[in-house]
C-alpha atoms as a PDB file:
ATOM      1  CA  UNK A   1       0.210   0.083   0.152  1.00  0.00           C
ATOM      2  CA  UNK A   2       1.281   3.541  -1.209  1.00  0.00           C
ATOM      3  CA  UNK A   3       1.608   5.527   2.287  1.00  0.00           C
ATOM      4  CA  UNK A   4      -0.023   8.976   2.649  1.00  0.00           C
ATOM      5  CA  UNK A   5       1.657  11.925   2.406  1.00  0.00           C
ATOM      6  CA  UNK A   6       1.158  14.314   5.223  1.00  0.00           C
ATOM      7  CA  UNK A   7       3.150  17.745   5.066  1.00  0.00           C
ATOM      8  CA  UNK A   8       3.454  19.566   8.331  1.00  0.00           C
ATOM      9  CA  UNK A   9       3.943  23.411   7.403  1.00  0.00           C
ATOM     10  CA  UNK A  10       5.861  25.151   9.616  1.00  0.00           C
ATOM     11  CA  UNK A  11       3.622  28.890   9.924  1.00  0.00           C
ATOM     12  CA  UNK A  12       5.833  31.203  11.388  1.00  0.00           C
ATOM     13  CA  UNK A  13       9.567  32.355  10.242  1.00  0.00           C
ATOM     14  CA  UNK A  14       9.807  34.581  13.450  1.00  0.00           C
ATOM     15  CA  UNK A  15      13.326  34.692  15.111  1.00  0.00           C
ATOM     16  CA  UNK A  16      13.006  32.755  18.521  1.00  0.00           C
ATOM     17  CA  UNK A  17       9.580  31.679  17.111  1.00  0.00           C
ATOM     18  CA  UNK A  18       7.688  28.536  19.226  1.00  0.00           C
ATOM     19  CA  UNK A  19       6.419  26.962  16.219  1.00  0.00           C
ATOM     20  CA  UNK A  20       9.067  24.650  15.890  1.00  0.00           C
ATOM     21  CA  UNK A  21       8.621  22.800  18.970  1.00  0.00           C
ATOM     22  CA  UNK A  22       4.952  21.722  18.668  1.00  0.00           C
ATOM     23  CA  UNK A  23       5.701  21.077  14.776  1.00  0.00           C
ATOM     24  CA  UNK A  24       8.944  18.550  15.604  1.00  0.00           C
ATOM     25  CA  UNK A  25       6.211  16.969  18.235  1.00  0.00           C
ATOM     26  CA  UNK A  26       3.240  16.669  15.596  1.00  0.00           C
ATOM     27  CA  UNK A  27       5.755  15.380  13.113  1.00  0.00           C
ATOM     28  CA  UNK A  28       7.235  12.597  15.335  1.00  0.00           C
ATOM     29  CA  UNK A  29       3.605  11.501  16.627  1.00  0.00           C
ATOM     30  CA  UNK A  30       2.564  11.494  12.407  1.00  0.00           C
ATOM     31  CA  UNK A  31       5.429   9.555  12.030  1.00  0.00           C
ATOM     32  CA  UNK A  32       4.028   6.651  14.731  1.00  0.00           C
ATOM     33  CA  UNK A  33       1.085   6.621  12.301  1.00  0.00           C
ATOM     34  CA  UNK A  34       1.003   3.313  10.392  1.00  0.00           C
ATOM     35  CA  UNK A  35       0.812   4.429   6.244  1.00  0.00           C
ATOM     36  CA  UNK A  36       1.630   7.543   6.735  1.00  0.00           C
ATOM     37  CA  UNK A  37       4.531   9.339   5.656  1.00  0.00           C
ATOM     38  CA  UNK A  38       5.017  12.586   7.231  1.00  0.00           C
ATOM     39  CA  UNK A  39       7.410  15.613   6.296  1.00  0.00           C
ATOM     40  CA  UNK A  40       8.092  18.838   7.697  1.00  0.00           C
ATOM     41  CA  UNK A  41       8.533  21.655   5.737  1.00  0.00           C
ATOM     42  CA  UNK A  42       9.854  24.895   7.039  1.00  0.00           C
ATOM     43  CA  UNK A  43       8.507  28.385   5.532  1.00  0.00           C
ATOM     44  CA  UNK A  44      12.006  29.583   6.060  1.00  0.00           C
ATOM     45  CA  UNK A  45      13.384  27.337   3.617  1.00  0.00           C
ATOM     46  CA  UNK A  46      10.827  29.200   0.715  1.00  0.00           C
ATOM     47  CA  UNK A  47      11.483  33.183   1.171  1.00  0.00           C
ATOM     48  CA  UNK A  48       8.332  33.813  -1.108  1.00  0.00           C
ATOM     49  CA  UNK A  49       7.761  37.497  -2.530  1.00  0.00           C
ATOM     50  CA  UNK A  50       4.757  39.083  -1.419  1.00  0.00           C
ATOM     51  CA  UNK A  51       2.060  38.071  -3.435  1.00  0.00           C
ATOM     52  CA  UNK A  52       1.701  41.312  -6.161  1.00  0.00           C
ATOM     53  CA  UNK A  53       0.384  39.386  -9.095  1.00  0.00           C
ATOM     54  CA  UNK A  54      -2.290  41.172 -11.138  1.00  0.00           C
ATOM     55  CA  UNK A  55      -4.357  37.505 -11.555  1.00  0.00           C
ATOM     56  CA  UNK A  56      -4.947  34.767  -9.080  1.00  0.00           C
ATOM     57  CA  UNK A  57      -2.938  31.575  -9.237  1.00  0.00           C
ATOM     58  CA  UNK A  58      -6.092  30.527 -10.238  1.00  0.00           C
ATOM     59  CA  UNK A  59      -5.694  31.601 -13.661  1.00  0.00           C
ATOM     60  CA  UNK A  60      -1.663  30.999 -14.196  1.00  0.00           C
ATOM     61  CA  UNK A  61      -1.536  29.247 -17.627  1.00  0.00           C
ATOM     62  CA  UNK A  62       2.170  28.247 -17.732  1.00  0.00           C
ATOM     63  CA  UNK A  63       3.522  27.561 -14.346  1.00  0.00           C
ATOM     64  CA  UNK A  64       4.615  29.993 -11.187  1.00  0.00           C
ATOM     65  CA  UNK A  65       6.556  33.235 -12.462  1.00  0.00           C
ATOM     66  CA  UNK A  66       8.968  33.057  -9.648  1.00  0.00           C
ATOM     67  CA  UNK A  67      11.067  30.332  -9.216  1.00  0.00           C
ATOM     68  CA  UNK A  68      10.872  29.467  -5.243  1.00  0.00           C
ATOM     69  CA  UNK A  69       6.957  29.557  -5.455  1.00  0.00           C
ATOM     70  CA  UNK A  70       7.105  27.108  -8.374  1.00  0.00           C
ATOM     71  CA  UNK A  71       9.703  24.838  -5.845  1.00  0.00           C
ATOM     72  CA  UNK A  72       7.207  25.025  -3.192  1.00  0.00           C
ATOM     73  CA  UNK A  73       3.878  24.105  -5.473  1.00  0.00           C
ATOM     74  CA  UNK A  74       5.697  21.231  -6.669  1.00  0.00           C
ATOM     75  CA  UNK A  75       6.276  20.223  -2.927  1.00  0.00           C
ATOM     76  CA  UNK A  76       2.814  20.871  -2.025  1.00  0.00           C
ATOM     77  CA  UNK A  77       1.338  18.901  -5.055  1.00  0.00           C
ATOM     78  CA  UNK A  78       3.023  15.883  -3.669  1.00  0.00           C
ATOM     79  CA  UNK A  79       0.916  15.681  -0.465  1.00  0.00           C
ATOM     80  CA  UNK A  80      -2.338  13.873   0.237  1.00  0.00           C
ATOM     81  CA  UNK A  81      -2.927  16.319   3.436  1.00  0.00           C
ATOM     82  CA  UNK A  82      -1.561  19.171   5.490  1.00  0.00           C
ATOM     83  CA  UNK A  83      -1.011  20.003   9.041  1.00  0.00           C
ATOM     84  CA  UNK A  84      -0.134  23.687   9.506  1.00  0.00           C
ATOM     85  CA  UNK A  85       1.567  24.853  12.589  1.00  0.00           C
ATOM     86  CA  UNK A  86       0.538  28.434  13.332  1.00  0.00           C
ATOM     87  CA  UNK A  87       0.915  31.087  16.395  1.00  0.00           C
ATOM     88  CA  UNK A  88      -1.956  33.381  16.580  1.00  0.00           C
ATOM     89  CA  UNK A  89      -0.976  36.882  16.019  1.00  0.00           C
ATOM     90  CA  UNK A  90      -3.376  40.017  16.974  1.00  0.00           C
ATOM     91  CA  UNK A  91      -6.047  37.461  16.843  1.00  0.00           C
ATOM     92  CA  UNK A  92      -5.005  36.264  13.325  1.00  0.00           C
ATOM     93  CA  UNK A  93      -2.584  34.282  11.725  1.00  0.00           C
ATOM     94  CA  UNK A  94       1.216  35.324  10.415  1.00  0.00           C
ATOM     95  CA  UNK A  95       1.449  37.356   7.049  1.00  0.00           C
ATOM     96  CA  UNK A  96       3.905  34.619   5.882  1.00  0.00           C
ATOM     97  CA  UNK A  97       1.284  31.923   6.294  1.00  0.00           C
ATOM     98  CA  UNK A  98      -1.299  33.877   4.280  1.00  0.00           C
ATOM     99  CA  UNK A  99       1.336  34.569   1.520  1.00  0.00           C
ATOM    100  CA  UNK A 100       2.182  31.020   1.179  1.00  0.00           C
ATOM    101  CA  UNK A 101      -1.634  29.887   0.916  1.00  0.00           C
ATOM    102  CA  UNK A 102      -2.268  32.643  -1.772  1.00  0.00           C
ATOM    103  CA  UNK A 103       0.447  31.741  -3.527  1.00  0.00           C
ATOM    104  CA  UNK A 104      -0.541  28.877  -4.659  1.00  0.00           C
ATOM    105  CA  UNK A 105      -4.101  27.031  -5.835  1.00  0.00           C
ATOM    106  CA  UNK A 106      -4.305  23.809  -7.551  1.00  0.00           C
ATOM    107  CA  UNK A 107      -1.877  22.580  -5.336  1.00  0.00           C
ATOM    108  CA  UNK A 108      -3.560  23.028  -2.335  1.00  0.00           C
ATOM    109  CA  UNK A 109      -6.986  21.438  -4.028  1.00  0.00           C
ATOM    110  CA  UNK A 110      -9.017  18.344  -2.889  1.00  0.00           C
ATOM    111  CA  UNK A 111      -7.222  17.449   0.120  1.00  0.00           C
ATOM    112  CA  UNK A 112      -7.739  17.561   3.947  1.00  0.00           C
ATOM    113  CA  UNK A 113      -5.780  20.553   6.071  1.00  0.00           C
ATOM    114  CA  UNK A 114      -5.795  20.182  10.013  1.00  0.00           C
ATOM    115  CA  UNK A 115      -4.386  22.629  12.001  1.00  0.00           C
ATOM    116  CA  UNK A 116      -1.757  22.776  15.378  1.00  0.00           C
ATOM    117  CA  UNK A 117      -1.911  26.120  17.006  1.00  0.00           C
ATOM    118  CA  UNK A 118      -0.571  27.943  19.951  1.00  0.00           C
ATOM    119  CA  UNK A 119      -1.152  31.410  21.419  1.00  0.00           C
ATOM    120  CA  UNK A 120      -3.244  33.085  24.480  1.00  0.00           C
ATOM    121  CA  UNK A 121      -5.921  31.089  23.483  1.00  0.00           C
ATOM    122  CA  UNK A 122      -4.311  28.167  22.219  1.00  0.00           C
ATOM    123  CA  UNK A 123      -4.390  30.031  18.408  1.00  0.00           C
ATOM    124  CA  UNK A 124      -8.271  28.971  18.292  1.00  0.00           C
ATOM    125  CA  UNK A 125      -9.230  32.436  16.751  1.00  0.00           C
ATOM    126  CA  UNK A 126      -6.031  32.003  14.048  1.00  0.00           C
ATOM    127  CA  UNK A 127      -7.527  28.810  13.046  1.00  0.00           C
ATOM    128  CA  UNK A 128     -11.005  29.860  12.842  1.00  0.00           C
ATOM    129  CA  UNK A 129      -9.852  32.204  10.026  1.00  0.00           C
ATOM    130  CA  UNK A 130      -7.312  30.011   8.311  1.00  0.00           C
ATOM    131  CA  UNK A 131     -10.595  27.347   8.032  1.00  0.00           C
ATOM    132  CA  UNK A 132     -12.385  29.690   5.889  1.00  0.00           C
ATOM    133  CA  UNK A 133      -9.253  30.324   3.516  1.00  0.00           C
ATOM    134  CA  UNK A 134      -8.866  26.711   3.116  1.00  0.00           C
ATOM    135  CA  UNK A 135     -12.096  26.524   1.980  1.00  0.00           C
ATOM    136  CA  UNK A 136     -11.876  28.653  -0.617  1.00  0.00           C
ATOM    137  CA  UNK A 137      -8.511  27.303  -1.626  1.00  0.00           C
ATOM    138  CA  UNK A 138     -11.018  23.926  -2.316  1.00  0.00           C
ATOM    139  CA  UNK A 139      -9.671  21.980   0.914  1.00  0.00           C
ATOM    140  CA  UNK A 140     -11.472  20.249   3.526  1.00  0.00           C
ATOM    141  CA  UNK A 141     -10.509  21.417   6.876  1.00  0.00           C
ATOM    142  CA  UNK A 142     -11.190  18.830   9.289  1.00  0.00           C
ATOM    143  CA  UNK A 143     -13.075  19.872  12.885  1.00  0.00           C
ATOM    144  CA  UNK A 144     -10.554  18.326  15.134  1.00  0.00           C
ATOM    145  CA  UNK A 145      -7.055  20.553  16.254  1.00  0.00           C
ATOM    146  CA  UNK A 146      -4.538  20.806  18.974  1.00  0.00           C
ATOM    147  CA  UNK A 147      -4.783  23.825  20.602  1.00  0.00           C
ATOM    148  CA  UNK A 148      -1.531  24.446  23.016  1.00  0.00           C
ATOM    149  CA  UNK A 149      -2.435  27.710  25.554  1.00  0.00           C
ATOM    150  CA  UNK A 150       0.081  29.589  26.777  1.00  0.00           C
ATOM    151  CA  UNK A 151       3.448  28.470  25.063  1.00  0.00           C
ATOM    152  CA  UNK A 152       5.442  30.633  26.798  1.00  0.00           C
ATOM    153  CA  UNK A 153       4.528  28.579  30.049  1.00  0.00           C
ATOM    154  CA  UNK A 154       6.115  25.612  28.375  1.00  0.00           C
ATOM    155  CA  UNK A 155       9.577  26.469  27.819  1.00  0.00           C
ATOM    156  CA  UNK A 156      12.649  26.948  30.326  1.00  0.00           C
ATOM    157  CA  UNK A 157      14.905  30.252  30.512  1.00  0.00           C
ATOM    158  CA  UNK A 158      17.010  28.680  27.264  1.00  0.00           C
ATOM    159  CA  UNK A 159      13.787  28.391  24.936  1.00  0.00           C
ATOM    160  CA  UNK A 160      13.706  24.688  25.444  1.00  0.00           C
ATOM    161  CA  UNK A 161      10.729  23.092  25.693  1.00  0.00           C
ATOM    162  CA  UNK A 162      10.459  21.942  29.668  1.00  0.00           C
ATOM    163  CA  UNK A 163      10.184  17.850  30.102  1.00  0.00           C
ATOM    164  CA  UNK A 164       6.482  16.261  28.957  1.00  0.00           C
ATOM    165  CA  UNK A 165       4.681  19.352  28.426  1.00  0.00           C
ATOM    166  CA  UNK A 166       3.317  18.990  25.670  1.00  0.00           C
ATOM    167  CA  UNK A 167       2.351  14.897  26.830  1.00  0.00           C
ATOM    168  CA  UNK A 168      -1.423  16.165  28.043  1.00  0.00           C
ATOM    169  CA  UNK A 169      -2.110  17.283  24.139  1.00  0.00           C
ATOM    170  CA  UNK A 170      -1.510  13.353  23.229  1.00  0.00           C
ATOM    171  CA  UNK A 171      -5.343  12.184  23.305  1.00  0.00           C
ATOM    172  CA  UNK A 172      -5.975  15.503  20.840  1.00  0.00           C
ATOM    173  CA  UNK A 173      -3.011  14.715  18.722  1.00  0.00           C
ATOM    174  CA  UNK A 174      -4.561  10.754  18.123  1.00  0.00           C
ATOM    175  CA  UNK A 175      -8.032  11.902  17.620  1.00  0.00           C
ATOM    176  CA  UNK A 176      -6.796  14.677  14.761  1.00  0.00           C
ATOM    177  CA  UNK A 177      -4.527  12.207  13.416  1.00  0.00           C
ATOM    178  CA  UNK A 178      -7.064   9.762  12.887  1.00  0.00           C
ATOM    179  CA  UNK A 179      -9.468  12.178  11.483  1.00  0.00           C
ATOM    180  CA  UNK A 180      -7.020  13.527   9.310  1.00  0.00           C
ATOM    181  CA  UNK A 181      -6.127  10.355   7.714  1.00  0.00           C
ATOM    182  CA  UNK A 182      -9.619   9.430   7.821  1.00  0.00           C
ATOM    183  CA  UNK A 183      -9.996  12.527   5.207  1.00  0.00           C
ATOM    184  CA  UNK A 184      -6.924  11.958   3.334  1.00  0.00           C
ATOM    185  CA  UNK A 185      -7.712   8.610   2.308  1.00  0.00           C
ATOM    186  CA  UNK A 186     -11.031   9.331   1.114  1.00  0.00           C
ATOM    187  CA  UNK A 187     -10.143  12.642  -0.977  1.00  0.00           C
ATOM    188  CA  UNK A 188      -7.187  10.345  -2.401  1.00  0.00           C
ATOM    189  CA  UNK A 189      -9.527   7.872  -3.401  1.00  0.00           C
ATOM    190  CA  UNK A 190     -11.943  10.490  -5.013  1.00  0.00           C
ATOM    191  CA  UNK A 191      -8.882  12.201  -6.826  1.00  0.00           C
ATOM    192  CA  UNK A 192      -8.293   8.799  -8.001  1.00  0.00           C
END
């Protein structure tokens, strides 16, 4: 059986970010899931220009007009589903993440997406907004999510995760991954 390809996207490029910690954690949890090939994508590796095109990517006929965008689009096209790890900034999600979503169109279509978020209220407001964007990109946002509140309380003075602080989120991660995998299988079969 061909494994499902699930990409975990770190949605922040901020210096000193917390996002790589839950991203690596959910990446390890996803790798434990039978039939899943997980991959971590860091937007720091894809320094996209701000989207400034006169038309939507939906109407690009000859590929993407930027080499980095083209490389990211090829990578996104490989996936059967996505997990976006995002902070909540000012009741929303980061501009770099919006830019990433806006540059590409068809490669996102007809695939499930789920969210691991963090912030004062666990990043719930950022996820609410991202679900609306995902629908416009013809994705299937799943209901389950992992919300990590007060992330600054989970790290020590050196910026490292304190031992065991993500353990309480494992049941939520299990439910989340089960739902994401169910949708990934269903939509992969439908894409046929």
